[in-house]
Amino acid sequence: MKLAIGIFLGLFSFGALAATPETAALWTPGKGVLCDKYICADATGVSIPLTEKYVGKTRADKLKAMGEFDTTTFTFVTGLSCDVKEKLCRQDRYYGADGKRSGKINKYYTKVVFGGF
């Protein structure tokens, strides 16, 4: 009985870990497109058509229901934040005391989304 409870708790904790933003995956279904389980974006910003194509109609409908919003700055479930105006992706979306973005530039995802660094 103790073994069964231990296995159940182990599976439960693994499931909880799998759902955290730190372990959520980003993927590139096409050139210049980056997606997580909620949105897809490219060099022009968050894209409802790309989200529908790669993530599904339900998620695309949720984006549509938000009405007008700035699609040029976006943060993925992992915390990766991209800005179309800067043409950069950063490890996070936070600002420093000086009012400038403080997140470390992620060269890999900047290249994926914006085509170069």
N, C-alpha and C. Protein backbone atom coordinates (compact mmCIF):
# COMPACT_ATOMS: atom_id res chain seq x y z
N MET A 1 0.82 -1.20 0.00
CA MET A 1 0.00 0.00 0.00
C MET A 1 0.87 1.26 0.00
N LYS A 2 1.93 1.25 0.84
CA LYS A 2 2.82 2.42 0.89
C LYS A 2 3.49 2.65 -0.46
N LEU A 3 3.86 1.55 -1.12
CA LEU A 3 4.50 1.66 -2.43
C LEU A 3 3.53 2.30 -3.44
N ALA A 4 2.28 1.87 -3.42
CA ALA A 4 1.28 2.41 -4.34
C ALA A 4 1.07 3.90 -4.09
N ILE A 5 1.01 4.30 -2.83
CA ILE A 5 0.84 5.72 -2.50
C ILE A 5 2.06 6.51 -2.96
N GLY A 6 3.25 5.95 -2.75
CA GLY A 6 4.48 6.61 -3.17
C GLY A 6 4.53 6.80 -4.68
N ILE A 7 4.12 5.77 -5.41
CA ILE A 7 4.11 5.87 -6.88
C ILE A 7 3.09 6.93 -7.32
N PHE A 8 1.90 6.92 -6.69
CA PHE A 8 0.88 7.90 -7.03
C PHE A 8 1.38 9.32 -6.76
N LEU A 9 1.96 9.54 -5.60
CA LEU A 9 2.48 10.86 -5.27
C LEU A 9 3.60 11.26 -6.22
N GLY A 10 4.45 10.30 -6.58
CA GLY A 10 5.52 10.59 -7.53
C GLY A 10 4.98 10.99 -8.88
N LEU A 11 3.95 10.28 -9.36
CA LEU A 11 3.34 10.63 -10.64
C LEU A 11 2.63 11.98 -10.55
N PHE A 12 1.96 12.24 -9.42
CA PHE A 12 1.28 13.51 -9.24
C PHE A 12 2.28 14.66 -9.27
N SER A 13 3.38 14.51 -8.57
CA SER A 13 4.36 15.60 -8.54
C SER A 13 5.02 15.78 -9.89
N PHE A 14 5.22 14.68 -10.64
CA PHE A 14 5.77 14.80 -11.97
C PHE A 14 4.79 15.55 -12.88
N GLY A 15 3.50 15.23 -12.76
CA GLY A 15 2.48 15.92 -13.55
C GLY A 15 2.44 17.40 -13.24
N ALA A 16 2.57 17.74 -11.97
CA ALA A 16 2.57 19.15 -11.59
C ALA A 16 3.80 19.86 -12.15
N LEU A 17 4.93 19.18 -12.14
CA LEU A 17 6.15 19.75 -12.69
C LEU A 17 6.01 19.97 -14.19
N ALA A 18 5.39 19.02 -14.87
CA ALA A 18 5.26 19.12 -16.32
C ALA A 18 4.41 20.32 -16.73
N ALA A 19 3.56 20.80 -15.85
CA ALA A 19 2.65 21.89 -16.20
C ALA A 19 3.20 23.28 -15.85
N THR A 20 4.39 23.34 -15.28
CA THR A 20 4.91 24.64 -14.87
C THR A 20 5.52 25.38 -16.05
N PRO A 21 5.51 26.72 -16.02
CA PRO A 21 6.11 27.48 -17.11
C PRO A 21 7.59 27.16 -17.35
N GLU A 22 8.30 26.81 -16.29
CA GLU A 22 9.73 26.53 -16.45
C GLU A 22 9.99 25.31 -17.32
N THR A 23 9.04 24.39 -17.39
CA THR A 23 9.25 23.17 -18.16
C THR A 23 8.42 23.14 -19.44
N ALA A 24 7.63 24.16 -19.68
CA ALA A 24 6.80 24.20 -20.89
C ALA A 24 7.69 24.42 -22.10
N ALA A 25 7.34 23.77 -23.19
CA ALA A 25 8.18 23.82 -24.38
C ALA A 25 7.74 24.90 -25.36
N LEU A 26 8.70 25.45 -26.04
CA LEU A 26 8.47 26.30 -27.20
C LEU A 26 8.82 25.46 -28.41
N TRP A 27 8.14 25.66 -29.51
CA TRP A 27 8.51 24.94 -30.71
C TRP A 27 8.36 25.84 -31.93
N THR A 28 9.05 25.45 -32.99
CA THR A 28 9.06 26.21 -34.23
C THR A 28 8.43 25.35 -35.33
N PRO A 29 7.13 25.53 -35.58
CA PRO A 29 6.47 24.70 -36.58
C PRO A 29 6.77 25.10 -38.02
N GLY A 30 7.32 26.29 -38.21
CA GLY A 30 7.66 26.78 -39.54
C GLY A 30 8.70 27.86 -39.42
N LYS A 31 9.33 28.21 -40.53
CA LYS A 31 10.39 29.21 -40.50
C LYS A 31 9.85 30.54 -39.96
N GLY A 32 10.53 31.06 -38.94
CA GLY A 32 10.18 32.34 -38.37
C GLY A 32 8.97 32.32 -37.45
N VAL A 33 8.45 31.15 -37.14
CA VAL A 33 7.28 31.02 -36.28
C VAL A 33 7.69 30.34 -34.98
N LEU A 34 7.26 30.91 -33.86
CA LEU A 34 7.54 30.34 -32.54
C LEU A 34 6.22 30.22 -31.79
N CYS A 35 5.99 29.04 -31.20
CA CYS A 35 4.73 28.78 -30.50
C CYS A 35 4.98 28.20 -29.11
N ASP A 36 4.01 28.43 -28.23
CA ASP A 36 3.91 27.68 -26.99
C ASP A 36 2.50 27.07 -27.01
N LYS A 37 2.01 26.62 -25.89
CA LYS A 37 0.70 25.96 -25.90
C LYS A 37 -0.46 26.95 -25.98
N TYR A 38 -0.19 28.26 -25.97
CA TYR A 38 -1.24 29.27 -26.01
C TYR A 38 -1.24 30.15 -27.25
N ILE A 39 -0.05 30.50 -27.75
CA ILE A 39 0.04 31.45 -28.87
C ILE A 39 1.13 31.03 -29.85
N CYS A 40 1.03 31.59 -31.04
CA CYS A 40 2.12 31.53 -32.02
C CYS A 40 2.40 32.97 -32.45
N ALA A 41 3.66 33.23 -32.74
CA ALA A 41 4.07 34.56 -33.16
C ALA A 41 5.16 34.46 -34.22
N ASP A 42 5.29 35.54 -34.97
CA ASP A 42 6.38 35.65 -35.94
C ASP A 42 6.96 37.06 -35.83
N ALA A 43 7.72 37.48 -36.82
CA ALA A 43 8.40 38.78 -36.75
C ALA A 43 7.44 39.96 -36.73
N THR A 44 6.16 39.74 -37.04
CA THR A 44 5.18 40.83 -36.98
C THR A 44 4.40 40.84 -35.67
N GLY A 45 4.57 39.80 -34.86
CA GLY A 45 3.91 39.74 -33.56
C GLY A 45 3.03 38.51 -33.39
N VAL A 46 2.19 38.56 -32.36
CA VAL A 46 1.26 37.46 -32.09
C VAL A 46 0.32 37.34 -33.28
N SER A 47 0.13 36.11 -33.75
CA SER A 47 -0.68 35.88 -34.94
C SER A 47 -1.85 34.95 -34.63
N ILE A 48 -3.06 35.46 -34.83
CA ILE A 48 -4.24 34.61 -34.64
C ILE A 48 -4.28 33.50 -35.69
N PRO A 49 -4.03 33.78 -36.98
CA PRO A 49 -4.03 32.69 -37.96
C PRO A 49 -2.98 31.60 -37.67
N LEU A 50 -1.77 32.01 -37.27
CA LEU A 50 -0.75 31.01 -36.94
C LEU A 50 -1.12 30.24 -35.68
N THR A 51 -1.70 30.93 -34.70
CA THR A 51 -2.14 30.26 -33.49
C THR A 51 -3.20 29.22 -33.83
N GLU A 52 -4.14 29.58 -34.67
CA GLU A 52 -5.18 28.63 -35.06
C GLU A 52 -4.59 27.44 -35.81
N LYS A 53 -3.66 27.70 -36.70
CA LYS A 53 -3.05 26.63 -37.50
C LYS A 53 -2.25 25.65 -36.65
N TYR A 54 -1.46 26.16 -35.72
CA TYR A 54 -0.52 25.30 -34.99
C TYR A 54 -0.94 24.94 -33.56
N VAL A 55 -1.76 25.77 -32.93
CA VAL A 55 -2.16 25.50 -31.54
C VAL A 55 -3.62 25.07 -31.46
N GLY A 56 -4.43 25.60 -32.36
CA GLY A 56 -5.83 25.17 -32.39
C GLY A 56 -6.82 26.32 -32.39
N LYS A 57 -8.02 26.02 -32.86
CA LYS A 57 -9.08 27.01 -32.98
C LYS A 57 -9.50 27.57 -31.62
N THR A 58 -9.53 26.74 -30.59
CA THR A 58 -9.95 27.19 -29.26
C THR A 58 -9.06 28.31 -28.76
N ARG A 59 -7.75 28.13 -28.88
CA ARG A 59 -6.81 29.17 -28.42
C ARG A 59 -6.91 30.41 -29.30
N ALA A 60 -7.07 30.22 -30.60
CA ALA A 60 -7.21 31.37 -31.50
C ALA A 60 -8.47 32.16 -31.16
N ASP A 61 -9.55 31.46 -30.85
CA ASP A 61 -10.80 32.13 -30.48
C ASP A 61 -10.62 32.93 -29.19
N LYS A 62 -9.83 32.41 -28.26
CA LYS A 62 -9.57 33.15 -27.01
C LYS A 62 -8.80 34.44 -27.30
N LEU A 63 -7.86 34.37 -28.24
CA LEU A 63 -7.14 35.59 -28.63
C LEU A 63 -8.09 36.60 -29.27
N LYS A 64 -8.97 36.11 -30.14
CA LYS A 64 -9.94 37.00 -30.79
C LYS A 64 -10.84 37.66 -29.76
N ALA A 65 -11.23 36.89 -28.74
CA ALA A 65 -12.14 37.40 -27.71
C ALA A 65 -11.51 38.51 -26.87
N MET A 66 -10.18 38.61 -26.89
CA MET A 66 -9.50 39.66 -26.14
C MET A 66 -9.70 41.03 -26.77
N GLY A 67 -10.18 41.06 -27.99
CA GLY A 67 -10.36 42.34 -28.69
C GLY A 67 -9.02 42.88 -29.15
N GLU A 68 -8.93 44.19 -29.27
CA GLU A 68 -7.69 44.81 -29.71
C GLU A 68 -6.66 44.81 -28.59
N PHE A 69 -5.46 44.39 -28.92
CA PHE A 69 -4.35 44.44 -27.97
C PHE A 69 -3.06 44.57 -28.75
N ASP A 70 -2.01 44.98 -28.08
CA ASP A 70 -0.71 45.17 -28.72
C ASP A 70 -0.11 43.80 -29.01
N THR A 71 -0.08 43.43 -30.27
CA THR A 71 0.47 42.12 -30.66
C THR A 71 1.98 42.17 -30.88
N THR A 72 2.59 43.35 -30.71
CA THR A 72 4.01 43.49 -31.03
C THR A 72 4.94 43.23 -29.85
N THR A 73 4.41 43.10 -28.66
CA THR A 73 5.20 42.66 -27.51
C THR A 73 4.46 41.49 -26.89
N PHE A 74 5.16 40.40 -26.67
CA PHE A 74 4.49 39.19 -26.21
C PHE A 74 5.43 38.35 -25.36
N THR A 75 4.83 37.62 -24.44
CA THR A 75 5.58 36.76 -23.53
C THR A 75 5.02 35.35 -23.62
N PHE A 76 5.90 34.41 -23.87
CA PHE A 76 5.50 33.01 -23.93
C PHE A 76 5.39 32.43 -22.53
N VAL A 77 4.78 31.27 -22.43
CA VAL A 77 4.55 30.63 -21.14
C VAL A 77 5.86 30.34 -20.40
N THR A 78 6.95 30.23 -21.10
CA THR A 78 8.25 29.98 -20.47
C THR A 78 8.85 31.24 -19.86
N GLY A 79 8.27 32.41 -20.15
CA GLY A 79 8.81 33.67 -19.67
C GLY A 79 9.58 34.41 -20.75
N LEU A 80 9.92 33.74 -21.84
CA LEU A 80 10.60 34.39 -22.96
C LEU A 80 9.71 35.52 -23.48
N SER A 81 10.29 36.69 -23.62
CA SER A 81 9.54 37.87 -24.05
C SER A 81 10.17 38.44 -25.31
N CYS A 82 9.34 38.74 -26.30
CA CYS A 82 9.84 39.27 -27.56
C CYS A 82 9.18 40.61 -27.86
N ASP A 83 9.94 41.47 -28.54
CA ASP A 83 9.46 42.80 -28.89
C ASP A 83 9.76 43.05 -30.37
N VAL A 84 8.71 43.23 -31.15
CA VAL A 84 8.85 43.43 -32.59
C VAL A 84 9.61 44.72 -32.89
N LYS A 85 9.36 45.77 -32.12
CA LYS A 85 10.03 47.05 -32.38
C LYS A 85 11.53 46.95 -32.15
N GLU A 86 11.93 46.23 -31.10
CA GLU A 86 13.35 46.03 -30.82
C GLU A 86 13.95 44.93 -31.68
N LYS A 87 13.09 44.05 -32.20
CA LYS A 87 13.52 42.84 -32.92
C LYS A 87 14.43 41.98 -32.04
N LEU A 88 13.99 41.81 -30.79
CA LEU A 88 14.74 41.03 -29.80
C LEU A 88 13.81 40.16 -28.98
N CYS A 89 14.34 39.02 -28.55
CA CYS A 89 13.68 38.19 -27.55
C CYS A 89 14.59 38.14 -26.33
N ARG A 90 13.98 38.26 -25.16
CA ARG A 90 14.72 38.27 -23.90
C ARG A 90 14.22 37.15 -22.99
N GLN A 91 15.07 36.79 -22.04
CA GLN A 91 14.73 35.72 -21.10
C GLN A 91 13.50 36.05 -20.26
N ASP A 92 13.24 37.32 -20.02
CA ASP A 92 12.05 37.72 -19.27
C ASP A 92 11.60 39.10 -19.75
N ARG A 93 10.47 39.57 -19.24
CA ARG A 93 9.89 40.83 -19.72
C ARG A 93 10.06 41.99 -18.76
N TYR A 94 10.91 41.84 -17.77
CA TYR A 94 11.00 42.84 -16.71
C TYR A 94 11.89 44.02 -17.08
N TYR A 95 11.68 45.10 -16.34
CA TYR A 95 12.44 46.33 -16.52
C TYR A 95 13.31 46.57 -15.30
N GLY A 96 14.47 47.20 -15.52
CA GLY A 96 15.36 47.57 -14.44
C GLY A 96 14.95 48.89 -13.82
N ALA A 97 15.69 49.32 -12.80
CA ALA A 97 15.41 50.59 -12.11
C ALA A 97 15.54 51.78 -13.06
N ASP A 98 16.33 51.61 -14.12
CA ASP A 98 16.52 52.69 -15.08
C ASP A 98 15.39 52.79 -16.12
N GLY A 99 14.40 51.90 -16.02
CA GLY A 99 13.27 51.92 -16.94
C GLY A 99 13.52 51.19 -18.24
N LYS A 100 14.69 50.58 -18.38
CA LYS A 100 15.02 49.83 -19.59
C LYS A 100 14.82 48.34 -19.33
N ARG A 101 14.59 47.61 -20.39
CA ARG A 101 14.41 46.16 -20.24
C ARG A 101 15.67 45.56 -19.63
N SER A 102 15.45 44.67 -18.67
CA SER A 102 16.60 44.11 -17.95
C SER A 102 16.88 42.66 -18.31
N GLY A 103 15.98 42.02 -19.02
CA GLY A 103 16.16 40.61 -19.35
C GLY A 103 17.32 40.38 -20.29
N LYS A 104 18.02 39.30 -20.05
CA LYS A 104 19.14 38.92 -20.92
C LYS A 104 18.61 38.57 -22.31
N ILE A 105 19.27 39.06 -23.33
CA ILE A 105 18.87 38.77 -24.71
C ILE A 105 19.10 37.29 -25.00
N ASN A 106 18.07 36.65 -25.56
CA ASN A 106 18.18 35.26 -25.96
C ASN A 106 18.47 35.25 -27.46
N LYS A 107 19.72 35.03 -27.80
CA LYS A 107 20.16 35.09 -29.19
C LYS A 107 19.50 34.02 -30.05
N TYR A 108 19.33 32.83 -29.48
CA TYR A 108 18.74 31.73 -30.26
C TYR A 108 17.32 32.08 -30.72
N TYR A 109 16.46 32.44 -29.77
CA TYR A 109 15.07 32.72 -30.13
C TYR A 109 14.92 34.04 -30.89
N THR A 110 15.82 34.99 -30.67
CA THR A 110 15.81 36.20 -31.48
C THR A 110 16.03 35.83 -32.94
N LYS A 111 16.96 34.93 -33.18
CA LYS A 111 17.24 34.49 -34.54
C LYS A 111 16.06 33.70 -35.12
N VAL A 112 15.45 32.85 -34.31
CA VAL A 112 14.29 32.07 -34.78
C VAL A 112 13.17 33.01 -35.23
N VAL A 113 12.83 33.99 -34.41
CA VAL A 113 11.68 34.85 -34.70
C VAL A 113 12.01 35.94 -35.71
N PHE A 114 13.16 36.58 -35.56
CA PHE A 114 13.46 37.76 -36.37
C PHE A 114 14.51 37.52 -37.45
N GLY A 115 15.03 36.31 -37.53
CA GLY A 115 15.91 35.96 -38.63
C GLY A 115 17.34 36.42 -38.54
N GLY A 116 17.80 36.81 -37.41
CA GLY A 116 19.20 37.20 -37.29
C GLY A 116 19.46 37.90 -35.98
N PHE A 117 20.71 38.11 -35.72
CA PHE A 117 21.07 38.80 -34.48
C PHE A 117 22.19 39.77 -34.74
